[in-house]
Protein backbone atom coordinates (compact mmCIF):
# COMPACT_ATOMS: atom_id res chain seq x y z
CA MET A 1 84.07 25.36 -60.22
CA PRO A 2 81.39 23.45 -61.72
CA ALA A 3 79.42 25.22 -64.65
CA GLY A 4 76.59 27.13 -63.41
CA THR A 5 77.68 27.73 -59.88
CA ARG A 6 77.34 30.96 -58.73
CA ILE A 7 79.16 32.90 -55.89
CA VAL A 8 76.87 34.71 -53.69
CA THR A 9 78.11 38.12 -52.19
CA GLY A 10 76.51 41.28 -51.06
CA PHE A 11 73.63 41.93 -48.68
CA PRO A 12 71.18 40.67 -48.11
CA TYR A 13 71.84 36.97 -48.64
CA THR A 14 69.01 34.93 -50.05
CA ALA A 15 68.38 31.94 -47.88
CA VAL A 16 69.43 28.85 -49.63
CA SER A 17 68.46 26.08 -47.15
CA ILE A 18 65.22 24.31 -46.48
CA THR A 19 64.72 26.09 -43.15
CA GLY A 20 66.38 29.54 -44.08
CA THR A 21 63.15 30.85 -45.58
CA GLU A 22 61.03 29.94 -42.70
CA THR A 23 63.84 31.54 -40.41
CA ASP A 24 63.59 34.72 -42.48
CA HIS A 25 59.69 34.78 -42.26
CA LEU A 26 59.87 34.43 -38.46
CA LEU A 27 62.43 37.22 -38.04
CA TRP A 28 60.45 39.67 -40.36
CA ALA A 29 57.09 38.67 -38.54
CA LEU A 30 58.88 39.55 -34.99
CA LEU A 31 60.09 42.68 -36.58
CA ALA A 32 56.78 43.78 -37.87
CA VAL A 33 54.94 42.95 -34.63
CA SER A 34 57.44 44.75 -32.58
CA PHE A 35 57.52 47.85 -34.85
CA ALA A 36 53.78 47.93 -34.77
CA VAL A 37 53.71 47.88 -30.95
CA MET A 38 56.29 50.81 -30.86
CA VAL A 39 54.46 52.81 -33.30
CA LEU A 40 51.40 52.46 -31.37
CA VAL A 41 53.07 53.07 -27.95
CA VAL A 42 55.18 56.11 -29.23
CA GLY A 43 52.13 57.26 -31.29
CA LEU A 44 50.02 57.27 -28.02
CA LEU A 45 52.89 59.19 -25.91
CA LEU A 46 53.08 61.92 -28.83
CA LEU A 47 49.39 62.16 -28.90
CA TYR A 48 49.00 62.50 -25.11
CA ALA A 49 51.99 64.80 -24.88
CA ILE A 50 50.42 67.31 -27.42
CA ARG A 51 46.84 66.96 -26.19
CA TYR A 52 47.57 67.46 -22.59
CA ARG A 53 50.51 69.93 -22.86
CA GLU A 54 50.55 72.80 -20.33
CA ALA A 55 48.75 75.36 -22.70
CA SER A 56 46.14 72.90 -23.85
CA ARG A 57 42.49 73.25 -22.82
CA ALA A 58 41.76 69.56 -22.90
CA ASP A 59 39.41 68.01 -20.22
CA ARG A 60 41.39 66.85 -17.54
CA GLY A 61 38.26 65.61 -15.49
CA ASN A 62 38.36 62.19 -13.84
CA PRO A 63 42.10 61.52 -13.99
CA GLU A 64 41.80 57.97 -12.07
CA GLY A 65 39.26 56.81 -14.47
CA LYS A 66 40.01 53.57 -16.45
CA SER A 67 38.97 51.80 -19.43
CA TRP A 68 39.09 48.14 -18.51
CA ALA A 69 37.94 46.63 -21.68
CA ILE A 70 40.76 48.72 -23.77
CA GLU A 71 43.36 47.50 -21.34
CA ILE A 72 42.32 43.92 -21.19
CA SER A 73 41.95 43.84 -25.03
CA TRP A 74 45.18 45.45 -25.67
CA THR A 75 47.06 43.04 -23.23
CA SER A 76 45.34 39.97 -24.37
CA ALA A 77 46.19 40.61 -28.12
CA THR A 78 49.56 41.44 -27.74
CA LEU A 79 50.11 38.18 -25.43
CA VAL A 80 48.43 36.18 -28.12
CA VAL A 81 50.64 37.45 -30.92
CA PHE A 82 53.90 37.24 -29.05
CA PHE A 83 52.83 33.67 -27.79
CA GLY A 84 52.22 32.74 -31.34
CA LEU A 85 55.57 33.82 -32.29
CA PHE A 86 57.17 31.90 -29.59
CA LEU A 87 55.34 28.71 -30.40
CA TRP A 88 56.59 29.32 -34.15
CA GLY A 89 60.12 29.74 -33.01
CA ALA A 90 59.92 26.76 -30.65
CA ASP A 91 58.83 24.36 -33.18
CA LEU A 92 61.50 25.74 -35.78
CA PHE A 93 64.08 25.20 -33.06
CA VAL A 94 63.17 21.64 -32.30
CA ARG A 95 63.15 20.88 -36.08
CA LEU A 96 66.68 22.44 -36.39
CA ASP A 97 67.81 20.43 -33.40
CA GLY A 98 66.73 17.14 -34.84
CA VAL A 99 69.32 15.70 -37.31
CA PRO A 100 67.90 13.65 -40.07
CA ASP A 101 68.66 10.02 -39.96
CA ASN A 102 70.08 10.17 -43.49
CA ALA A 103 72.33 13.07 -42.95
CA ILE A 104 75.92 12.96 -44.05
CA PRO A 105 78.35 13.32 -40.99
CA ILE A 106 81.22 15.67 -41.69
CA TYR A 107 83.71 16.52 -38.77
CA VAL A 108 84.63 20.16 -38.26
CA VAL A 109 87.56 21.36 -36.06
CA GLY A 110 88.10 25.09 -35.14
CA LYS A 111 91.58 26.19 -34.51
CA GLN A 112 93.09 29.57 -34.40
CA TRP A 113 92.74 30.61 -37.14
CA MET A 114 91.37 28.05 -39.55
CA TRP A 115 88.47 25.45 -40.09
CA LYS A 116 89.64 22.14 -40.46
CA VAL A 117 87.12 19.83 -42.32
CA GLU A 118 87.05 15.91 -42.78
CA HIS A 119 84.47 13.90 -44.61
CA PRO A 120 83.47 10.40 -43.87
CA ASP A 121 85.75 8.91 -46.65
CA GLY A 122 88.80 10.62 -45.26
CA GLN A 123 88.78 13.72 -47.56
CA ARG A 124 89.94 16.80 -45.83
CA GLU A 125 89.71 20.47 -46.38
CA ILE A 126 90.98 23.59 -44.78
CA ASN A 127 88.53 26.75 -44.85
CA ALA A 128 86.50 25.18 -47.30
CA LEU A 129 83.42 22.64 -47.25
CA HIS A 130 81.90 20.90 -50.18
CA VAL A 131 78.48 19.24 -49.82
CA PRO A 132 76.11 17.88 -52.15
CA LEU A 133 72.79 19.72 -53.27
CA GLY A 134 69.49 18.62 -51.57
CA HIS A 135 71.06 16.23 -48.88
CA PRO A 136 70.82 16.95 -45.38
CA ILE A 137 74.56 17.39 -43.87
CA GLU A 138 75.38 16.92 -40.18
CA LEU A 139 78.24 19.05 -38.95
CA ILE A 140 80.09 17.58 -36.02
CA MET A 141 82.23 20.33 -34.40
CA THR A 142 84.60 20.99 -31.68
CA SER A 143 87.46 23.27 -31.00
CA GLU A 144 91.16 22.82 -30.28
CA ASP A 145 91.81 25.84 -28.35
CA VAL A 146 89.27 28.60 -27.89
CA ILE A 147 85.53 29.42 -28.56
CA HIS A 148 84.94 29.83 -32.05
CA ASP A 149 81.69 30.32 -33.81
CA PHE A 150 80.62 28.56 -37.19
CA ALA A 151 78.42 30.79 -39.27
CA ILE A 152 76.98 30.38 -43.00
CA PRO A 153 74.67 33.37 -43.41
CA ALA A 154 73.22 32.12 -46.57
CA LEU A 155 72.13 28.97 -45.17
CA ARG A 156 70.90 30.72 -42.11
CA ILE A 157 73.02 28.69 -39.52
CA LYS A 158 75.45 29.73 -36.75
CA HIS A 159 76.62 27.66 -33.85
CA ASP A 160 79.29 28.19 -30.94
CA VAL A 161 82.18 25.74 -31.50
CA VAL A 162 83.45 24.99 -27.88
CA PRO A 163 86.77 23.26 -26.83
CA GLY A 164 86.05 20.05 -24.77
CA ARG A 165 83.00 19.11 -26.25
CA TYR A 166 81.20 18.22 -29.65
CA ASP A 167 78.36 20.25 -30.97
CA THR A 168 76.01 19.24 -33.97
CA LEU A 169 74.46 21.21 -36.62
CA TRP A 170 72.72 20.20 -39.72
CA PHE A 171 71.50 21.94 -42.94
CA GLN A 172 70.28 21.13 -46.22
CA ALA A 173 70.96 23.48 -49.26
CA THR A 174 68.60 24.06 -51.98
CA GLU A 175 70.66 26.09 -54.40
CA ALA A 176 73.99 25.47 -56.03
CA GLY A 177 76.56 27.92 -55.40
CA GLU A 178 79.51 29.20 -53.05
CA TYR A 179 78.56 30.88 -49.84
CA HIS A 180 80.81 32.55 -47.43
CA LEU A 181 81.90 30.70 -44.03
CA PHE A 182 82.66 32.96 -41.14
CA CYS A 183 83.83 32.83 -37.38
CA THR A 184 81.61 35.07 -35.79
CA GLN A 185 83.11 35.02 -32.27
CA PHE A 186 86.35 36.90 -31.56
CA CYS A 187 88.99 34.43 -31.03
CA GLY A 188 92.23 36.20 -31.40
CA THR A 189 94.30 38.52 -33.38
CA ASP A 190 93.68 36.74 -36.77
CA HIS A 191 89.93 36.36 -36.17
CA ALA A 192 89.15 38.39 -39.06
CA ALA A 193 91.13 35.93 -41.43
CA MET A 194 89.20 32.81 -40.07
CA GLY A 195 86.70 32.39 -42.83
CA GLY A 196 86.27 30.35 -45.98
CA MET A 197 83.71 29.10 -48.72
CA VAL A 198 81.06 26.55 -48.66
CA THR A 199 80.55 24.96 -52.20
CA VAL A 200 77.01 23.48 -52.84
CA MET A 201 77.17 21.04 -55.65
CA SER A 202 74.80 18.75 -57.55
CA GLU A 203 75.25 14.98 -56.50
CA PRO A 204 77.19 13.97 -59.62
CA ASP A 205 79.53 16.82 -59.41
CA TYR A 206 79.85 16.18 -55.55
CA THR A 207 80.62 12.48 -56.21
CA ALA A 208 83.14 13.49 -58.75
CA TRP A 209 84.73 15.95 -56.45
CA LEU A 210 85.17 13.42 -53.73
CA SER A 211 86.75 10.82 -56.05
CA ALA A 212 89.28 13.45 -57.07
CA GLN A 213 90.34 14.17 -53.63
CA PRO A 214 93.39 12.42 -51.79
CA ASN A 215 92.30 10.45 -48.87
CA GLU A 216 93.61 8.40 -45.89
CA GLY A 217 90.65 5.99 -45.99
CA ASN A 218 87.33 5.51 -44.59
CA LEU A 219 87.01 7.65 -41.07
CA ALA A 220 86.01 4.67 -39.33
CA ALA A 221 88.49 2.60 -40.56
CA LEU A 222 91.20 5.07 -39.71
CA GLY A 223 89.57 5.25 -36.03
CA ARG A 224 89.95 1.44 -35.86
CA ALA A 225 93.92 2.04 -36.19
CA VAL A 226 93.71 4.65 -33.48
CA TYR A 227 91.68 2.31 -31.32
CA LEU A 228 94.40 -0.50 -31.75
CA HIS A 229 97.35 1.98 -31.49
CA ASN A 230 96.17 3.04 -28.05
CA GLY A 231 95.43 -0.58 -26.93
CA CYS A 232 91.73 -0.17 -26.46
CA ASP A 233 91.11 -3.58 -27.81
CA GLY A 234 92.67 -5.15 -24.76
CA CYS A 235 89.75 -4.06 -22.71
CA HIS A 236 86.67 -3.60 -24.98
CA GLU A 237 87.36 -6.91 -26.86
CA GLY A 238 87.22 -9.10 -23.85
CA ARG A 239 90.85 -10.00 -23.38
CA GLY A 240 91.13 -8.13 -19.96
CA THR A 241 89.47 -8.22 -16.66
CA SER A 242 88.54 -4.66 -16.66
CA GLY A 243 84.80 -5.36 -17.31
CA ALA A 244 84.70 -2.78 -20.01
CA PRO A 245 81.76 -3.26 -22.26
CA PRO A 246 81.86 -4.19 -25.93
CA LEU A 247 81.89 -0.98 -28.02
CA ALA A 248 78.87 -2.03 -30.03
CA GLU A 249 76.91 -1.42 -26.71
CA VAL A 250 77.72 2.15 -26.64
CA ALA A 251 77.64 2.80 -30.38
CA GLY A 252 74.29 4.39 -30.44
CA ARG A 253 75.41 7.15 -27.91
CA GLU A 254 75.92 10.62 -29.03
CA GLU A 255 79.14 11.89 -30.08
CA SER A 256 79.53 14.17 -27.09
CA TRP A 257 78.86 11.29 -24.91
CA LEU A 258 81.37 9.12 -26.49
CA ARG A 259 83.93 12.18 -26.67
CA ASP A 260 83.52 12.47 -22.74
CA SER A 261 83.90 9.15 -22.11
CA ILE A 262 87.29 8.66 -23.87
CA LEU A 263 88.84 11.93 -22.33
CA HIS A 264 86.99 11.94 -19.09
CA PRO A 265 85.85 8.31 -18.24
CA GLU A 266 85.04 8.88 -14.64
CA ARG A 267 82.29 11.20 -15.39
CA ARG A 268 80.42 8.40 -17.04
CA GLY A 269 81.21 5.83 -14.25
CA ALA A 270 84.20 4.18 -15.79
CA VAL A 271 86.58 4.62 -13.06
CA ARG A 272 88.97 1.86 -14.19
CA MET A 273 89.41 3.30 -17.70
CA PRO A 274 92.37 5.69 -18.07
CA SER A 275 91.65 9.08 -19.34
CA PHE A 276 93.14 9.93 -22.77
CA GLU A 277 93.00 13.53 -22.37
CA GLY A 278 96.37 15.14 -23.50
CA ARG A 279 97.24 11.95 -25.23
CA ILE A 280 94.90 12.01 -28.29
CA GLY A 281 94.32 14.98 -30.50
CA GLU A 282 90.83 16.22 -31.78
CA GLU A 283 91.43 14.69 -35.40
CA ASP A 284 92.29 11.44 -33.91
CA LEU A 285 89.49 11.46 -31.50
CA ALA A 286 87.04 12.27 -34.43
CA LYS A 287 88.28 9.03 -35.96
CA LEU A 288 87.72 7.00 -32.98
CA VAL A 289 84.27 8.35 -32.46
CA ALA A 290 83.55 7.57 -35.87
CA TYR A 291 84.83 3.99 -35.63
CA VAL A 292 82.71 3.41 -32.35
CA LYS A 293 79.68 5.01 -34.14
CA SER A 294 80.07 2.59 -37.18
CA LEU A 295 79.89 -0.51 -35.04
CA GLY A 296 76.31 0.40 -34.34
CA GLY A 297 75.51 1.42 -37.80
CA GLY A 298 75.92 4.96 -36.98
CA GLY A 299 72.56 5.09 -35.12
CA ARG A 300 71.73 7.55 -32.42
């Protein structure tokens, strides 16, 4: 572990991502407003229960009288406050959903009961994830078997990992350290053991760590080998009569679209393309998708 790195334990976790602090502020604001409403409502219930109890001599005249000014003010105030919280949350959600263009793509595969991680240059990890400090990270995630849930509390990120599709999640850490990684979706008998650590390192330390790790080569280059091994070039490089488009034409598509096109081409209108479902594993599929993306410069 690099010098100065700290392991974060205990509760509560301090937010260490660029959106984590805002997420906390939104949560506390929602709790504060909800608590204030609860205190007011319960307080009024108790007040009237005591004031108008059976033995009370309080004036009970005009029971159908209303104070429209109070009711309209109360309803309008709560509507404005909660709608404001909704807009704040919606804005945060949109920003969390939009992956920065300079994010480092890292593939994550959930499997009973481990997290398998692969970096762009082929470095692999199990139940661990090393990332550079202050740089956006895009996680491209899928599952080999059942639904898992990728969660790093200190970074305030959590997302279902579903078999049969890719889901993306991004974050940018603001403090070096080691942070717990959990699966928060019950996924079988050893669910409790499906965890690990995320290590946030300075840029020089991260570069040194990458250099020290064994790798099979660039992920896109490995994808090219998968592409050739499965004979995809016969159609997509113009040597056949299938009418398949050059891969550069679809390289800008999202990972989920590309994955679906490979495993279920009929869903994308490619009725003459064979399905590769059951013929190619998730790791090779990630390599193949990375190769296709590289043909368009990785654009979205």
